[in-house]
Structure formats: structure tokens, C-alpha cells
Protein backbone atom coordinates (compact mmCIF):
# COMPACT_ATOMS: atom_id res chain seq x y z
CA UNK A 1 -5.67 33.47 3.91
CA UNK A 2 -1.96 34.10 3.82
CA UNK A 3 0.86 31.76 4.20
CA UNK A 4 2.02 33.30 7.84
CA UNK A 5 -1.83 32.82 9.21
CA UNK A 6 -2.16 29.32 7.86
CA UNK A 7 -2.15 26.89 10.78
CA UNK A 8 -1.20 23.16 9.68
CA UNK A 9 -1.37 19.87 11.53
CA UNK A 10 1.00 16.94 10.77
CA UNK A 11 -0.50 14.14 12.72
CA UNK A 12 3.04 11.67 12.55
CA UNK A 13 6.53 12.59 11.98
CA UNK A 14 7.69 13.17 8.32
CA UNK A 15 11.11 13.64 7.07
CA UNK A 16 13.22 16.47 8.34
CA UNK A 17 13.35 18.14 5.30
CA UNK A 18 9.58 18.13 4.64
CA UNK A 19 8.70 19.25 7.98
CA UNK A 20 11.45 22.01 7.77
CA UNK A 21 9.86 23.06 4.60
CA UNK A 22 6.12 23.21 6.33
CA UNK A 23 7.77 24.99 9.53
CA UNK A 24 9.35 27.76 7.59
CA UNK A 25 6.03 28.70 5.60
CA UNK A 26 3.17 27.86 7.93
CA UNK A 27 2.43 27.81 11.81
CA UNK A 28 3.02 24.05 11.60
CA UNK A 29 2.32 21.75 14.56
CA UNK A 30 3.81 18.39 14.68
CA UNK A 31 2.85 15.25 16.60
CA UNK A 32 6.37 15.02 18.32
CA UNK A 33 5.58 11.78 20.15
CA UNK A 34 4.94 10.22 16.67
CA UNK A 35 2.12 7.77 17.99
CA UNK A 36 -1.41 7.16 16.26
CA UNK A 37 -3.61 10.55 17.39
CA UNK A 38 -6.94 9.65 18.91
CA UNK A 39 -10.40 9.76 17.36
CA UNK A 40 -11.09 12.52 19.70
CA UNK A 41 -8.01 14.54 19.19
CA UNK A 42 -8.41 14.41 15.70
CA UNK A 43 -11.94 15.70 15.64
CA UNK A 44 -10.75 18.62 17.75
CA UNK A 45 -7.97 19.37 15.20
CA UNK A 46 -10.90 20.26 12.56
CA UNK A 47 -11.76 22.99 14.74
CA UNK A 48 -8.19 24.23 15.33
CA UNK A 49 -6.11 23.98 12.01
CA UNK A 50 -6.61 25.02 8.35
CA UNK A 51 -5.08 22.07 7.12
CA UNK A 52 -4.40 18.63 8.60
CA UNK A 53 -1.96 16.42 6.86
CA UNK A 54 -2.84 12.82 7.91
CA UNK A 55 -1.31 9.36 7.24
CA UNK A 56 -3.03 5.90 6.72
CA UNK A 57 -2.80 5.44 10.39
CA UNK A 58 -5.10 7.95 10.75
CA UNK A 59 -8.97 6.80 10.30
CA UNK A 60 -10.98 10.22 9.31
CA UNK A 61 -14.51 9.28 9.33
CA UNK A 62 -18.13 11.11 9.05
CA UNK A 63 -18.13 11.45 12.86
CA UNK A 64 -14.71 12.97 12.93
CA UNK A 65 -15.44 15.19 10.06
CA UNK A 66 -18.72 16.26 11.21
CA UNK A 67 -21.47 18.40 9.13
CA UNK A 68 -21.01 21.76 11.23
CA UNK A 69 -18.85 24.44 9.82
CA UNK A 70 -15.55 23.91 11.01
CA UNK A 71 -11.86 25.52 10.12
CA UNK A 72 -10.16 22.43 8.36
CA UNK A 73 -10.55 22.96 4.30
CA UNK A 74 -7.96 20.62 3.39
CA UNK A 75 -6.50 17.22 4.20
CA UNK A 76 -3.20 16.89 2.40
CA UNK A 77 -2.75 13.28 2.61
CA UNK A 78 0.77 11.77 3.23
CA UNK A 79 0.33 8.70 1.00
CA UNK A 80 -1.36 7.65 -2.45
CA UNK A 81 -4.17 5.79 -0.74
CA UNK A 82 -7.06 7.26 0.91
CA UNK A 83 -9.57 4.71 2.05
CA UNK A 84 -9.10 5.71 5.57
CA UNK A 85 -10.59 9.08 4.73
CA UNK A 86 -14.60 9.09 3.98
CA UNK A 87 -14.45 11.18 0.89
CA UNK A 88 -18.53 11.35 0.75
CA UNK A 89 -18.30 13.28 4.46
CA UNK A 90 -15.42 15.29 3.17
CA UNK A 91 -17.10 16.43 0.13
CA UNK A 92 -20.43 17.14 2.03
CA UNK A 93 -18.22 19.21 4.69
CA UNK A 94 -16.50 21.00 1.72
CA UNK A 95 -13.32 19.56 2.87
CA UNK A 96 -10.61 19.02 0.09
CA UNK A 97 -8.58 16.23 -0.17
CA UNK A 98 -5.14 15.41 -1.88
CA UNK A 99 -2.55 12.67 -1.94
CA UNK A 100 0.85 11.80 -3.10
CA UNK A 101 0.67 9.81 -6.40
CA UNK A 102 3.67 8.81 -8.53
CA UNK A 103 6.32 9.61 -6.09
CA UNK A 104 6.18 5.95 -4.22
CA UNK A 105 5.69 3.83 -7.34
CA UNK A 106 9.25 2.48 -7.70
CA UNK A 107 9.63 1.43 -3.96
CA UNK A 108 6.69 -0.29 -3.80
CA UNK A 109 7.41 -1.95 -6.83
CA UNK A 110 10.68 -2.92 -5.28
CA UNK A 111 9.02 -4.06 -2.20
CA UNK A 112 6.68 -6.32 -4.15
CA UNK A 113 9.56 -8.04 -5.94
CA UNK A 114 11.29 -8.34 -2.32
CA UNK A 115 8.24 -10.09 -1.11
CA UNK A 116 8.02 -12.57 -4.16
CA UNK A 117 11.75 -13.25 -3.83
CA UNK A 118 11.52 -14.02 -0.06
CA UNK A 119 8.35 -16.02 -0.54
CA UNK A 120 9.56 -17.87 -3.36
CA UNK A 121 12.95 -18.61 -1.94
CA UNK A 122 11.70 -19.21 1.61
CA UNK A 123 14.31 -16.55 2.71
CA UNK A 124 12.28 -15.69 6.03
CA UNK A 125 12.23 -19.34 7.13
CA UNK A 126 16.15 -19.38 6.41
CA UNK A 127 16.80 -16.34 8.37
CA UNK A 128 14.68 -17.32 11.23
CA UNK A 129 16.32 -21.09 11.33
CA UNK A 130 19.95 -19.59 11.12
CA UNK A 131 19.56 -17.04 14.10
CA UNK A 132 17.83 -19.55 16.03
CA UNK A 133 20.96 -21.67 15.97
CA UNK A 134 19.20 -24.47 14.16
CA UNK A 135 21.09 -24.37 10.86
CA UNK A 136 23.06 -27.77 10.84
CA UNK A 137 24.95 -26.89 7.32
CA UNK A 138 24.23 -27.04 3.56
CA UNK A 139 22.40 -30.23 2.35
CA UNK A 140 20.79 -30.71 -1.34
CA UNK A 141 17.31 -30.58 -0.03
CA UNK A 142 17.23 -27.73 2.51
CA UNK A 143 14.78 -25.42 2.28
CA UNK A 144 14.47 -25.56 -1.54
CA UNK A 145 12.03 -22.97 -3.06
CA UNK A 146 11.15 -21.96 -6.59
CA UNK A 147 12.69 -19.91 -9.07
CA UNK A 148 10.62 -16.91 -10.67
CA UNK A 149 12.55 -16.98 -14.08
CA UNK A 150 9.88 -18.36 -16.46
CA UNK A 151 6.92 -18.15 -14.41
CA UNK A 152 3.69 -16.29 -14.92
CA UNK A 153 2.85 -13.48 -12.82
CA UNK A 154 -0.74 -12.27 -12.51
CA UNK A 155 -1.35 -8.75 -11.40
CA UNK A 156 -4.60 -7.57 -10.18
CA UNK A 157 -5.00 -3.90 -11.21
CA UNK A 158 -2.86 -2.45 -13.86
CA UNK A 159 -1.81 1.19 -12.47
CA UNK A 160 1.47 2.88 -12.14
CA UNK A 161 2.82 0.37 -9.32
CA UNK A 162 1.63 -2.61 -11.07
CA UNK A 163 3.31 -1.65 -14.49
CA UNK A 164 6.55 -0.97 -12.51
CA UNK A 165 6.37 -4.55 -11.01
CA UNK A 166 5.82 -6.22 -14.26
CA UNK A 167 8.88 -4.32 -15.70
CA UNK A 168 11.05 -5.73 -13.27
CA UNK A 169 9.60 -9.30 -13.50
CA UNK A 170 9.71 -9.48 -16.97
CA UNK A 171 12.66 -7.74 -17.81
CA UNK A 172 14.72 -8.47 -14.83
CA UNK A 173 13.36 -12.27 -14.30
CA UNK A 174 11.72 -13.18 -17.47
CA UNK A 175 8.40 -13.64 -16.01
CA UNK A 176 5.57 -13.61 -18.34
CA UNK A 177 2.71 -11.16 -17.55
CA UNK A 178 -0.81 -11.40 -16.96
CA UNK A 179 -3.07 -8.53 -16.09
CA UNK A 180 -6.91 -8.19 -14.75
CA UNK A 181 -7.71 -4.85 -14.92
CA UNK A 182 -11.26 -2.44 -15.68
CA UNK A 183 -9.37 -0.89 -18.35
CA UNK A 184 -6.82 -1.87 -21.12
CA UNK A 185 -3.35 -0.66 -21.05
CA UNK A 186 -1.76 1.31 -23.53
CA UNK A 187 -0.55 -0.62 -26.61
CA UNK A 188 2.87 0.50 -26.37
CA UNK A 189 2.95 -0.69 -22.55
CA UNK A 190 1.50 -4.07 -23.33
CA UNK A 191 4.25 -4.53 -26.19
CA UNK A 192 7.01 -3.57 -23.77
CA UNK A 193 6.11 -5.76 -21.03
CA UNK A 194 4.46 -8.58 -22.98
CA UNK A 195 1.49 -8.27 -21.06
CA UNK A 196 -1.84 -10.17 -21.77
CA UNK A 197 -4.96 -8.70 -20.30
CA UNK A 198 -7.51 -11.39 -19.22
CA UNK A 199 -11.21 -10.97 -19.00
CA UNK A 200 -11.96 -12.36 -15.58
CA UNK A 201 -10.21 -12.32 -12.11
CA UNK A 202 -10.76 -15.91 -12.13
CA UNK A 203 -8.78 -16.98 -15.28
CA UNK A 204 -5.95 -14.55 -13.97
CA UNK A 205 -5.81 -16.61 -10.73
CA UNK A 206 -5.88 -19.94 -12.61
CA UNK A 207 -3.15 -19.06 -14.76
CA UNK A 208 -0.64 -17.32 -12.35
CA UNK A 209 2.28 -18.98 -10.58
CA UNK A 210 2.60 -15.30 -8.77
CA UNK A 211 -0.48 -13.16 -7.94
CA UNK A 212 0.28 -9.51 -7.06
CA UNK A 213 -2.41 -7.22 -5.88
CA UNK A 214 -2.44 -3.50 -6.97
CA UNK A 215 -6.02 -2.45 -6.41
CA UNK A 216 -7.17 0.67 -4.07
CA UNK A 217 -8.80 -0.30 -1.00
CA UNK A 218 -12.07 0.37 0.13
CA UNK A 219 -15.71 -1.34 0.13
CA UNK A 220 -15.25 -2.09 -3.45
CA UNK A 221 -12.21 -4.20 -3.24
CA UNK A 222 -13.15 -5.82 0.38
CA UNK A 223 -12.16 -9.28 0.82
CA UNK A 224 -11.84 -9.37 -2.92
CA UNK A 225 -9.51 -12.20 -2.72
CA UNK A 226 -11.55 -14.82 -0.62
CA UNK A 227 -11.37 -18.51 -0.13
CA UNK A 228 -13.32 -19.01 -3.58
CA UNK A 229 -10.62 -16.78 -5.16
CA UNK A 230 -7.81 -18.57 -3.48
CA UNK A 231 -9.19 -21.88 -4.27
CA UNK A 232 -8.69 -21.09 -8.07
CA UNK A 233 -4.91 -20.63 -7.74
CA UNK A 234 -2.56 -22.99 -8.22
CA UNK A 235 -1.66 -25.32 -5.35
CA UNK A 236 2.08 -24.08 -5.98
CA UNK A 237 1.08 -20.30 -6.17
CA UNK A 238 2.45 -17.19 -4.38
CA UNK A 239 -0.02 -14.42 -3.35
CA UNK A 240 1.70 -10.84 -2.78
CA UNK A 241 -0.04 -7.94 -1.28
CA UNK A 242 1.47 -4.66 -1.04
CA UNK A 243 -1.78 -2.54 -1.65
CA UNK A 244 -4.39 -2.62 1.26
CA UNK A 245 -4.77 -5.19 3.74
CA UNK A 246 -8.61 -5.37 3.34
CA UNK A 247 -8.26 -6.80 -0.26
CA UNK A 248 -7.56 -10.38 1.32
CA UNK A 249 -9.61 -12.24 3.46
CA UNK A 250 -7.24 -13.21 5.77
CA UNK A 251 -8.98 -15.81 7.54
CA UNK A 252 -9.33 -17.61 4.27
CA UNK A 253 -5.51 -16.97 3.62
CA UNK A 254 -4.76 -18.60 6.73
CA UNK A 255 -6.79 -21.67 6.31
CA UNK A 256 -5.54 -22.12 2.62
CA UNK A 257 -1.83 -21.93 3.74
CA UNK A 258 -2.53 -24.21 6.77
CA UNK A 259 -4.11 -26.85 4.13
CA UNK A 260 -1.84 -26.54 1.23
CA UNK A 261 -4.36 -24.79 -1.20
CA UNK A 262 -1.73 -22.32 -2.15
CA UNK A 263 2.22 -22.66 -1.24
CA UNK A 264 2.83 -19.29 0.34
CA UNK A 265 2.36 -15.65 0.70
CA UNK A 266 4.12 -12.42 1.14
CA UNK A 267 2.21 -9.28 2.77
CA UNK A 268 2.99 -6.02 3.46
CA UNK A 269 -0.34 -4.74 4.62
CA UNK A 270 -3.18 -5.96 6.77
CA UNK A 271 -6.76 -5.28 7.58
CA UNK A 272 -6.17 -3.74 11.00
CA UNK A 273 -2.74 -2.51 11.31
CA UNK A 274 -0.76 -2.81 13.56
CA UNK A 275 -2.63 -5.98 14.38
CA UNK A 276 -1.75 -9.05 12.61
CA UNK A 277 -3.97 -12.08 12.34
CA UNK A 278 -2.54 -14.42 15.16
CA UNK A 279 -2.61 -17.42 12.74
CA UNK A 280 -0.48 -15.82 10.24
CA UNK A 281 2.37 -14.97 12.91
CA UNK A 282 2.43 -18.88 13.63
CA UNK A 283 3.14 -19.82 10.02
CA UNK A 284 6.30 -20.48 8.39
CA UNK A 285 4.88 -20.34 4.55
CA UNK A 286 4.09 -16.86 4.75
CA UNK A 287 6.34 -13.50 4.59
CA UNK A 288 5.25 -10.55 6.57
CA UNK A 289 6.69 -7.19 6.56
CA UNK A 290 5.73 -4.11 8.69
CA UNK A 291 3.99 -1.80 5.69
CA UNK A 292 7.46 -1.29 4.28
CA UNK A 293 6.09 -0.27 0.59
CA UNK A 294 7.24 3.29 0.27
CA UNK A 295 9.99 3.09 3.28
CA UNK A 296 12.85 4.47 1.44
CA UNK A 297 14.45 7.91 2.49
CA UNK A 298 14.12 9.18 -0.81
CA UNK A 299 10.25 8.31 -1.47
CA UNK A 300 9.11 9.36 2.24
CA UNK A 301 10.91 12.75 1.53
CA UNK A 302 9.38 12.97 -2.12
CA UNK A 303 5.79 12.09 -0.27
CA UNK A 304 6.45 14.82 1.98
CA UNK A 305 7.40 17.36 -0.52
CA UNK A 306 4.29 16.51 -2.61
CA UNK A 307 1.98 17.07 0.30
CA UNK A 308 3.86 20.03 0.86
CA UNK A 309 2.98 21.61 -2.74
CA UNK A 310 -0.41 20.81 -2.34
CA UNK A 311 -0.47 22.94 1.01
CA UNK A 312 1.26 25.41 -1.02
CA UNK A 313 -1.44 25.57 -3.75
CA UNK A 314 -4.03 25.58 -0.94
CA UNK A 315 -2.44 28.75 0.75
CA UNK A 316 -2.27 30.63 -2.70
CA UNK A 317 -5.57 29.80 -3.76
CA UNK A 318 -4.28 27.64 -6.52
CA UNK A 319 -5.70 24.29 -7.98
CA UNK A 320 -4.65 21.55 -5.96
CA UNK A 321 -2.37 19.60 -8.12
CA UNK A 322 -3.27 16.23 -6.57
CA UNK A 323 -7.02 16.77 -5.80
CA UNK A 324 -9.13 13.73 -4.91
CA UNK A 325 -12.15 15.46 -3.73
């Protein structure tokens, strides 16, 4: 398979530099209207393209992948998460899957800190009040929040992004770091961040002032944070999610926020994007962002180029640098 003959579909618009790179090297087709592709269109694409470059907005399940021989042999995913792709079906069908790890670490960590600060300092409430013309001026008791300095940050998962958050929180805000993870971090990492590993999720939730989620999506983590887990948190606690929407039971979260089980939350991801649970939209004590974790010019371009390098390797018959399946 030569580069000139390789036919490729990009399912959403990418940064210009990444699109230009692919257009120069391959028979690349871009989704010019930038809307989510239908399941039917994605299914047809498997017979029409050698490579498909999907995003988190594309649900690629077993029905789309199928079992009969198809043209597509690579899914070069634009993003680090891949729970929207049925990996088992890909493996059965002989379709390789790659992702874009590493390049979105800093941007997502920055966004997690943004959510923490907005939730702790009630920034969303304040902006809404001001824009609505309801601000009556400064007063000592107006929208008083909480400071992050000296508080305990509990990280669920302790991979690259979680460690980047810990670095910002500890060195920038003087927060104490706890983490819950299957594996123990390197001693040097723990020492640099003064991070302590706890043996159970419940122990982390009980001790943390802020809980930030950094685990992959999928069946293993579905509703990992439900009513029981939220009840274990401090009443003054802040819950942050920049991982995957399905990690939190949003009905349980809405009830907890309404009844004061926890103080506030900050979310960047949701279980059925772009739909947002209606109850959450009506609440003041939650910050809601539209999946902006990796949304910097630098990061999105780097993600596109990382995906493109996996396409290059596939075209050359070389090992895929970021192979998942």
C-alpha cells in the first residue's frame, strides 16, 4: 500500500496544519460540515476507506465494525480516550486502533485546575450574576467561597494527567496530595509531589477536600462515583471530572448537590454528550464546561499530528507508535 493510494476519512474538522499534512500525503476526505457522522455513514466508511480518523463524538461499535472483511484496517483516533470504540470488535475484525497520548496532558491538567478554582471561588455564579445585571456591589459576605491553599486534593487515578494536576496543585497552591490507583507511583514522583497513596477509594473520598477523577471510561469505571461514594465525601467537598462522563452517576450527583451532601462540583465531560442532565443545568453550585479539556490551539494541533504519525507508520508498514489494539 503506497501513500498515494491510501484513502483516509477524517470524521470532524481538525486544525489546519494537521489537515494540510494529511491532504498532502494521502487521498484524504474531510467532514466539511463538522457535524457528527451518522451510524450509517460510519458503517459505509468502513467499506470506502483504508483509514478512518475518528473522535470521541463517533461511537464505533460492533455493529459498525462488523465481522465481514472490510477495507478499513486502521482507526487513528484523535484523542487519548478510546472507550467510544469497541476494541474487542476491532481485534476480531483485524482493525488496528491508535490514540494520541501525552500531548494533551498539560492542557487537561490546566482545565482541571480551572474547574477547581471556579468551583471553589464560585466564579460561575459571580459571572452569571454580573451579566444578568444583578450585582449590587461589593460586600463582606458576597459569594464567599473557599481557598485551595492548604487543602487536600484526592486524585482517583494517577497517570500522566493526574500527576500534572498534582504538580500544579502542590507546587502552585500548596495542596496536600492523596491518590488512589492500582499501581504505586515511582518513589521520585511521590517525593516531588509529597503524594501519598491510599488503599481504598472510600479512604480517599473521606479525607479529601477536592476529588479529581482521572480514570479511563468504559464498563470498569461506569458510575464509579455513585450515591454511596459521594456520601463518603466531606460536606464541604468539591468533585471535579475531566476524565469521562460515565465515571459519575449524574442523577446521584444532582441529588447530592441539591441536598448538600457535597458543596459543589466542576464537570467538563458528560455521559451522553452534548446532552447535559437537565437538573444540573438548573443548579448554581456546579461549574459546567463543554468538554474543553484539550482545547488549546497547541494541543489540538499536536493531537492531529500525533494521529497523522500513526497513519504514516501504517502507510509505511511500520509498527504503530501509539497502538491500542
